[in-house]
C-alpha atoms as a PDB file:
ATOM      1  CA  MET A   1       0.649 -38.887  11.224  1.00  0.00           C
ATOM      2  CA  THR A   2       0.381 -36.960  14.454  1.00  0.00           C
ATOM      3  CA  ALA A   3       3.726 -36.433  16.135  1.00  0.00           C
ATOM      4  CA  ARG A   4       3.997 -38.073  19.520  1.00  0.00           C
ATOM      5  CA  LEU A   5       4.263 -35.712  22.446  1.00  0.00           C
ATOM      6  CA  PRO A   6       6.834 -36.495  25.138  1.00  0.00           C
ATOM      7  CA  HIS A   7       5.299 -38.125  28.164  1.00  0.00           C
ATOM      8  CA  PRO A   8       5.303 -35.800  31.180  1.00  0.00           C
ATOM      9  CA  VAL A   9       7.336 -37.005  34.127  1.00  0.00           C
ATOM     10  CA  ARG A  10       4.991 -38.470  36.709  1.00  0.00           C
ATOM     11  CA  SER A  11       4.819 -36.608  39.995  1.00  0.00           C
ATOM     12  CA  ASP A  12       5.768 -39.708  41.982  1.00  0.00           C
ATOM     13  CA  ALA A  13       8.853 -40.165  39.798  1.00  0.00           C
ATOM     14  CA  ARG A  14       9.837 -36.525  40.412  1.00  0.00           C
ATOM     15  CA  ASP A  15       9.316 -37.008  44.128  1.00  0.00           C
ATOM     16  CA  ASN A  16      11.434 -40.174  44.140  1.00  0.00           C
ATOM     17  CA  ARG A  17      14.231 -38.436  42.257  1.00  0.00           C
ATOM     18  CA  ALA A  18      14.213 -35.446  44.605  1.00  0.00           C
ATOM     19  CA  ARG A  19      14.178 -37.729  47.640  1.00  0.00           C
ATOM     20  CA  VAL A  20      17.118 -39.749  46.296  1.00  0.00           C
ATOM     21  CA  LEU A  21      19.136 -36.566  45.695  1.00  0.00           C
ATOM     22  CA  ASP A  22      18.403 -35.169  49.151  1.00  0.00           C
ATOM     23  CA  THR A  23      19.370 -38.488  50.711  1.00  0.00           C
ATOM     24  CA  ALA A  24      22.531 -38.792  48.616  1.00  0.00           C
ATOM     25  CA  ARG A  25      23.679 -35.340  49.764  1.00  0.00           C
ATOM     26  CA  ALA A  26      23.143 -36.357  53.380  1.00  0.00           C
ATOM     27  CA  VAL A  27      24.701 -39.827  53.102  1.00  0.00           C
ATOM     28  CA  PHE A  28      27.715 -38.808  51.010  1.00  0.00           C
ATOM     29  CA  GLY A  29      28.035 -35.629  53.069  1.00  0.00           C
ATOM     30  CA  GLU A  30      28.461 -37.573  56.315  1.00  0.00           C
ATOM     31  CA  GLU A  31      30.041 -40.841  55.161  1.00  0.00           C
ATOM     32  CA  GLY A  32      31.986 -39.729  52.090  1.00  0.00           C
ATOM     33  CA  LEU A  33      31.887 -41.149  48.580  1.00  0.00           C
ATOM     34  CA  SER A  34      32.585 -44.689  49.750  1.00  0.00           C
ATOM     35  CA  ALA A  35      28.992 -44.952  51.011  1.00  0.00           C
ATOM     36  CA  PRO A  36      27.228 -47.603  48.867  1.00  0.00           C
ATOM     37  CA  MET A  37      24.347 -46.845  46.523  1.00  0.00           C
ATOM     38  CA  ARG A  38      22.170 -49.375  48.359  1.00  0.00           C
ATOM     39  CA  GLU A  39      22.468 -47.280  51.524  1.00  0.00           C
ATOM     40  CA  VAL A  40      21.235 -44.220  49.640  1.00  0.00           C
ATOM     41  CA  ALA A  41      18.294 -46.251  48.300  1.00  0.00           C
ATOM     42  CA  ARG A  42      17.494 -47.640  51.746  1.00  0.00           C
ATOM     43  CA  GLN A  43      17.484 -44.268  53.463  1.00  0.00           C
ATOM     44  CA  ALA A  44      15.520 -42.687  50.616  1.00  0.00           C
ATOM     45  CA  GLY A  45      12.871 -45.379  50.956  1.00  0.00           C
ATOM     46  CA  VAL A  46      13.106 -46.534  47.327  1.00  0.00           C
ATOM     47  CA  GLY A  47      14.119 -49.796  45.720  1.00  0.00           C
ATOM     48  CA  PRO A  48      17.446 -50.242  43.913  1.00  0.00           C
ATOM     49  CA  ALA A  49      15.611 -50.393  40.568  1.00  0.00           C
ATOM     50  CA  THR A  50      14.088 -46.971  41.189  1.00  0.00           C
ATOM     51  CA  LEU A  51      17.463 -45.528  42.157  1.00  0.00           C
ATOM     52  CA  TYR A  52      19.228 -46.892  39.079  1.00  0.00           C
ATOM     53  CA  ARG A  53      16.390 -45.814  36.801  1.00  0.00           C
ATOM     54  CA  HIS A  54      17.070 -42.202  37.767  1.00  0.00           C
ATOM     55  CA  PHE A  55      20.856 -42.501  38.196  1.00  0.00           C
ATOM     56  CA  PRO A  56      22.347 -45.399  36.200  1.00  0.00           C
ATOM     57  CA  THR A  57      25.799 -44.953  37.782  1.00  0.00           C
ATOM     58  CA  LYS A  58      27.201 -43.701  41.054  1.00  0.00           C
ATOM     59  CA  GLN A  59      29.103 -41.060  39.101  1.00  0.00           C
ATOM     60  CA  ALA A  60      25.825 -39.645  37.749  1.00  0.00           C
ATOM     61  CA  LEU A  61      24.356 -39.489  41.253  1.00  0.00           C
ATOM     62  CA  ILE A  62      27.432 -37.789  42.724  1.00  0.00           C
ATOM     63  CA  LEU A  63      27.557 -35.170  39.972  1.00  0.00           C
ATOM     64  CA  GLU A  64      23.890 -34.289  40.396  1.00  0.00           C
ATOM     65  CA  ALA A  65      23.949 -34.409  44.200  1.00  0.00           C
ATOM     66  CA  PHE A  66      26.847 -31.946  44.401  1.00  0.00           C
ATOM     67  CA  ALA A  67      25.842 -29.691  41.495  1.00  0.00           C
ATOM     68  CA  GLU A  68      25.093 -26.811  43.858  1.00  0.00           C
ATOM     69  CA  GLN A  69      28.479 -27.114  45.583  1.00  0.00           C
ATOM     70  CA  ARG A  70      30.235 -27.161  42.233  1.00  0.00           C
ATOM     71  CA  ARG A  71      28.428 -23.968  41.191  1.00  0.00           C
ATOM     72  CA  ALA A  72      29.389 -22.367  44.505  1.00  0.00           C
ATOM     73  CA  CYS A  73      33.019 -23.343  43.920  1.00  0.00           C
ATOM     74  CA  HIS A  74      32.946 -21.816  40.414  1.00  0.00           C
ATOM     75  CA  ALA A  75      31.446 -18.611  41.842  1.00  0.00           C
ATOM     76  CA  ALA A  76      34.119 -18.437  44.556  1.00  0.00           C
ATOM     77  CA  VAL A  77      36.875 -18.712  41.951  1.00  0.00           C
ATOM     78  CA  ARG A  78      35.231 -16.129  39.679  1.00  0.00           C
ATOM     79  CA  ASP A  79      34.696 -13.629  42.509  1.00  0.00           C
ATOM     80  CA  ALA A  80      38.218 -14.036  43.861  1.00  0.00           C
ATOM     81  CA  LEU A  81      39.842 -13.443  40.467  1.00  0.00           C
ATOM     82  CA  ALA A  82      37.670 -10.361  39.906  1.00  0.00           C
ATOM     83  CA  ASP A  83      38.558  -8.820  43.293  1.00  0.00           C
ATOM     84  CA  PRO A  84      40.672  -5.664  42.758  1.00  0.00           C
ATOM     85  CA  ASP A  85      42.577  -6.491  45.982  1.00  0.00           C
ATOM     86  CA  PRO A  86      44.595  -9.665  45.282  1.00  0.00           C
ATOM     87  CA  TRP A  87      45.197 -10.430  48.969  1.00  0.00           C
ATOM     88  CA  HIS A  88      41.508 -10.078  49.782  1.00  0.00           C
ATOM     89  CA  GLY A  89      40.642 -12.284  46.791  1.00  0.00           C
ATOM     90  CA  PHE A  90      43.126 -14.914  47.938  1.00  0.00           C
ATOM     91  CA  ARG A  91      41.767 -14.853  51.496  1.00  0.00           C
ATOM     92  CA  SER A  92      38.149 -15.073  50.401  1.00  0.00           C
ATOM     93  CA  LEU A  93      38.865 -18.047  48.160  1.00  0.00           C
ATOM     94  CA  VAL A  94      40.595 -19.940  50.973  1.00  0.00           C
ATOM     95  CA  GLU A  95      37.703 -19.196  53.341  1.00  0.00           C
ATOM     96  CA  ARG A  96      34.991 -20.233  50.864  1.00  0.00           C
ATOM     97  CA  ILE A  97      36.730 -23.453  49.843  1.00  0.00           C
ATOM     98  CA  CYS A  98      37.131 -24.439  53.500  1.00  0.00           C
ATOM     99  CA  GLU A  99      33.473 -23.711  54.164  1.00  0.00           C
ATOM    100  CA  LEU A 100      32.325 -25.808  51.211  1.00  0.00           C
ATOM    101  CA  HIS A 101      34.477 -28.704  52.376  1.00  0.00           C
ATOM    102  CA  ALA A 102      33.304 -28.379  55.976  1.00  0.00           C
ATOM    103  CA  HIS A 103      29.672 -28.766  54.939  1.00  0.00           C
ATOM    104  CA  SER A 104      30.189 -32.073  53.137  1.00  0.00           C
ATOM    105  CA  ARG A 105      32.695 -34.900  53.468  1.00  0.00           C
ATOM    106  CA  GLY A 106      31.533 -36.175  50.086  1.00  0.00           C
ATOM    107  CA  PHE A 107      32.254 -32.914  48.276  1.00  0.00           C
ATOM    108  CA  ALA A 108      35.657 -32.704  49.981  1.00  0.00           C
ATOM    109  CA  ASP A 109      36.379 -36.278  48.853  1.00  0.00           C
ATOM    110  CA  ALA A 110      35.330 -35.512  45.280  1.00  0.00           C
ATOM    111  CA  PHE A 111      37.424 -32.341  45.166  1.00  0.00           C
ATOM    112  CA  MET A 112      40.551 -33.772  46.760  1.00  0.00           C
ATOM    113  CA  THR A 113      40.815 -37.357  45.535  1.00  0.00           C
ATOM    114  CA  ALA A 114      40.954 -39.380  42.357  1.00  0.00           C
ATOM    115  CA  PHE A 115      37.958 -41.461  43.462  1.00  0.00           C
ATOM    116  CA  PRO A 116      36.795 -43.245  40.269  1.00  0.00           C
ATOM    117  CA  GLU A 117      33.228 -41.943  40.492  1.00  0.00           C
ATOM    118  CA  ALA A 118      34.452 -38.361  40.970  1.00  0.00           C
ATOM    119  CA  MET A 119      36.674 -37.897  37.936  1.00  0.00           C
ATOM    120  CA  ASP A 120      34.449 -35.118  36.575  1.00  0.00           C
ATOM    121  CA  PHE A 121      35.506 -33.017  39.563  1.00  0.00           C
ATOM    122  CA  ALA A 122      39.093 -32.968  38.259  1.00  0.00           C
ATOM    123  CA  ALA A 123      38.319 -29.923  36.090  1.00  0.00           C
ATOM    124  CA  ASP A 124      36.904 -28.083  39.107  1.00  0.00           C
ATOM    125  CA  ARG A 125      40.003 -28.878  41.129  1.00  0.00           C
ATOM    126  CA  GLU A 126      42.358 -27.759  38.357  1.00  0.00           C
ATOM    127  CA  ARG A 127      40.383 -24.549  37.786  1.00  0.00           C
ATOM    128  CA  THR A 128      40.586 -23.737  41.491  1.00  0.00           C
ATOM    129  CA  LEU A 129      44.299 -24.475  41.732  1.00  0.00           C
ATOM    130  CA  ARG A 130      45.019 -22.308  38.685  1.00  0.00           C
ATOM    131  CA  ALA A 131      43.052 -19.494  40.299  1.00  0.00           C
ATOM    132  CA  VAL A 132      45.006 -19.885  43.543  1.00  0.00           C
ATOM    133  CA  ALA A 133      48.291 -19.774  41.634  1.00  0.00           C
ATOM    134  CA  GLU A 134      47.243 -16.596  39.835  1.00  0.00           C
ATOM    135  CA  LEU A 135      45.941 -14.954  43.014  1.00  0.00           C
ATOM    136  CA  ALA A 136      49.113 -15.946  44.862  1.00  0.00           C
ATOM    137  CA  ARG A 137      51.253 -14.360  42.155  1.00  0.00           C
ATOM    138  CA  ARG A 138      49.296 -11.103  42.371  1.00  0.00           C
ATOM    139  CA  ALA A 139      49.241 -11.078  46.191  1.00  0.00           C
ATOM    140  CA  GLN A 140      52.986 -11.755  46.356  1.00  0.00           C
ATOM    141  CA  GLU A 141      53.574  -8.765  44.076  1.00  0.00           C
ATOM    142  CA  THR A 142      51.797  -6.586  46.649  1.00  0.00           C
ATOM    143  CA  GLY A 143      54.075  -7.962  49.379  1.00  0.00           C
ATOM    144  CA  ARG A 144      51.201  -9.268  51.508  1.00  0.00           C
ATOM    145  CA  LEU A 145      51.560 -12.998  50.767  1.00  0.00           C
ATOM    146  CA  ARG A 146      54.677 -14.902  51.770  1.00  0.00           C
ATOM    147  CA  PRO A 147      57.054 -15.163  48.797  1.00  0.00           C
ATOM    148  CA  GLY A 148      57.568 -18.859  49.537  1.00  0.00           C
ATOM    149  CA  PHE A 149      53.882 -19.769  49.193  1.00  0.00           C
ATOM    150  CA  VAL A 150      53.171 -22.403  46.523  1.00  0.00           C
ATOM    151  CA  VAL A 151      49.917 -24.042  45.441  1.00  0.00           C
ATOM    152  CA  ASP A 152      50.939 -27.267  47.173  1.00  0.00           C
ATOM    153  CA  ASP A 153      50.563 -25.358  50.448  1.00  0.00           C
ATOM    154  CA  LEU A 154      46.826 -25.030  49.768  1.00  0.00           C
ATOM    155  CA  ILE A 155      46.581 -28.763  49.099  1.00  0.00           C
ATOM    156  CA  LEU A 156      48.450 -29.442  52.345  1.00  0.00           C
ATOM    157  CA  MET A 157      46.037 -27.135  54.175  1.00  0.00           C
ATOM    158  CA  LEU A 158      42.982 -28.880  52.727  1.00  0.00           C
ATOM    159  CA  MET A 159      44.389 -32.289  53.634  1.00  0.00           C
ATOM    160  CA  ALA A 160      44.682 -31.119  57.220  1.00  0.00           C
ATOM    161  CA  HIS A 161      41.248 -29.501  57.011  1.00  0.00           C
ATOM    162  CA  ARG A 162      39.668 -32.875  56.191  1.00  0.00           C
ATOM    163  CA  GLY A 163      40.440 -33.949  59.738  1.00  0.00           C
ATOM    164  CA  LEU A 164      37.687 -31.578  60.885  1.00  0.00           C
ATOM    165  CA  GLN A 165      35.145 -34.019  59.438  1.00  0.00           C
ATOM    166  CA  ASP A 166      35.663 -36.058  62.609  1.00  0.00           C
ATOM    167  CA  ALA A 167      34.460 -33.157  64.750  1.00  0.00           C
ATOM    168  CA  PRO A 168      30.810 -33.105  65.890  1.00  0.00           C
ATOM    169  CA  ARG A 169      28.596 -31.827  63.091  1.00  0.00           C
ATOM    170  CA  ALA A 170      27.394 -28.876  65.193  1.00  0.00           C
ATOM    171  CA  SER A 171      30.996 -27.675  65.683  1.00  0.00           C
ATOM    172  CA  ARG A 172      32.384 -28.435  62.245  1.00  0.00           C
ATOM    173  CA  LEU A 173      31.733 -25.117  60.511  1.00  0.00           C
ATOM    174  CA  THR A 174      32.938 -23.082  63.498  1.00  0.00           C
ATOM    175  CA  ALA A 175      36.113 -25.148  63.615  1.00  0.00           C
ATOM    176  CA  SER A 176      36.614 -24.720  59.873  1.00  0.00           C
ATOM    177  CA  ARG A 177      36.360 -20.928  60.043  1.00  0.00           C
ATOM    178  CA  ARG A 178      38.862 -20.703  62.883  1.00  0.00           C
ATOM    179  CA  PHE A 179      41.229 -23.104  61.112  1.00  0.00           C
ATOM    180  CA  ALA A 180      41.037 -21.034  57.906  1.00  0.00           C
ATOM    181  CA  ALA A 181      41.741 -17.833  59.850  1.00  0.00           C
ATOM    182  CA  TYR A 182      44.871 -19.338  61.402  1.00  0.00           C
ATOM    183  CA  MET A 183      46.102 -20.571  58.023  1.00  0.00           C
ATOM    184  CA  ILE A 184      45.541 -17.191  56.397  1.00  0.00           C
ATOM    185  CA  GLU A 185      47.622 -15.579  59.139  1.00  0.00           C
ATOM    186  CA  ALA A 186      50.354 -18.148  58.450  1.00  0.00           C
ATOM    187  CA  PHE A 187      50.301 -17.266  54.736  1.00  0.00           C
ATOM    188  CA  ARG A 188      50.525 -13.523  55.414  1.00  0.00           C
ATOM    189  CA  THR A 189      53.946 -11.908  55.054  1.00  0.00           C
ATOM    190  CA  ALA A 190      53.635  -9.836  58.234  1.00  0.00           C
ATOM    191  CA  PRO A 191      50.909  -8.837  60.678  1.00  0.00           C
ATOM    192  CA  GLU A 192      48.692  -5.980  59.563  1.00  0.00           C
ATOM    193  CA  THR A 193      49.281  -2.592  61.112  1.00  0.00           C
ATOM    194  CA  GLY A 194      47.087  -1.691  64.058  1.00  0.00           C
ATOM    195  CA  ALA A 195      45.113  -4.093  66.205  1.00  0.00           C
ATOM    196  CA  PRO A 196      44.899  -7.590  64.711  1.00  0.00           C
ATOM    197  CA  ALA A 197      41.519  -8.716  63.444  1.00  0.00           C
ATOM    198  CA  PRO A 198      39.761 -10.966  65.954  1.00  0.00           C
ATOM    199  CA  LEU A 199      39.717 -14.671  65.189  1.00  0.00           C
ATOM    200  CA  PRO A 200      36.408 -16.432  64.582  1.00  0.00           C
ATOM    201  CA  PRO A 201      35.050 -18.007  67.788  1.00  0.00           C
ATOM    202  CA  ALA A 202      36.621 -21.245  68.967  1.00  0.00           C
ATOM    203  CA  PRO A 203      34.498 -24.392  68.614  1.00  0.00           C
ATOM    204  CA  ARG A 204      33.484 -26.348  71.686  1.00  0.00           C
ATOM    205  CA  LEU A 205      35.348 -29.589  71.101  1.00  0.00           C
ATOM    206  CA  GLN A 206      35.645 -32.251  73.754  1.00  0.00           C
ATOM    207  CA  PRO A 207      38.673 -34.595  73.827  1.00  0.00           C
ATOM    208  CA  ALA A 208      38.022 -38.250  73.172  1.00  0.00           C
ATOM    209  CA  HIS A 209      36.948 -40.206  76.239  1.00  0.00           C
ATOM    210  CA  SER A 210      39.777 -42.074  77.903  1.00  0.00           C
ATOM    211  CA  PRO A 211      40.280 -43.742  81.293  1.00  0.00           C
ATOM    212  CA  SER A 212      42.372 -40.765  82.449  1.00  0.00           C
ATOM    213  CA  ASN A 213      39.405 -38.463  81.821  1.00  0.00           C
ATOM    214  CA  ALA A 214      36.898 -40.588  83.702  1.00  0.00           C
ATOM    215  CA  PRO A 215      35.852 -39.432  87.194  1.00  0.00           C
ATOM    216  CA  HIS A 216      36.816 -42.717  88.856  1.00  0.00           C
ATOM    217  CA  ALA A 217      40.297 -42.554  87.262  1.00  0.00           C
ATOM    218  CA  ARG A 218      40.885 -39.067  88.638  1.00  0.00           C
ATOM    219  CA  ASN A 219      39.970 -40.331  92.104  1.00  0.00           C
ATOM    220  CA  GLY A 220      42.351 -43.211  92.051  1.00  0.00           C
ATOM    221  CA  GLY A 221      39.692 -45.642  90.829  1.00  0.00           C
ATOM    222  CA  SER A 222      37.917 -45.621  94.204  1.00  0.00           C
ATOM    223  CA  GLY A 223      34.680 -44.350  92.711  1.00  0.00           C
ATOM    224  CA  LEU A 224      34.447 -41.709  95.502  1.00  0.00           C
END
């Protein structure tokens, strides 16, 4: 008997799958992992049956949607550990983790929380925290990282960093880079000799609208 050849994936099925993944990155990136699957299907322009045919569970969709971010996280850890300068490796890892989190609320959620559909990210988180602990040990031996630094300080920093997700999308990455620079200075034992390195530019963030900020409020409510 002639062996059956596998059926090639139809082009429309490939297109649907790619569209679902692109939409999932956008939806989870802005709304976090709590965004429902039906919203991904709606914005992708496919029916629920099509979505579940490609991704039977939300966990499968999340893992595939953030595969690139996970690879970037692995590369950041690998590069930092290989850096011959422990302090530089520590700094670069902090900066790259913050940047990855700034780009996507969903990836930050998956990395930081025990969300049921994100349990496969636990290994990534543990790998990163082990790398930070090792880099911190090396950097402390050089005298450039505060001796009191512990891995929980990085977790505390990332918890605070998640608040940047509420900033306007256009300002989020700029805000993240400045935040990371300030935190790195806080982790440093003492300022570097010579002129301090300039901070990344400040983001243009507007305070929330309130009656005290309104023109009529500043003019005593007269509207003049």
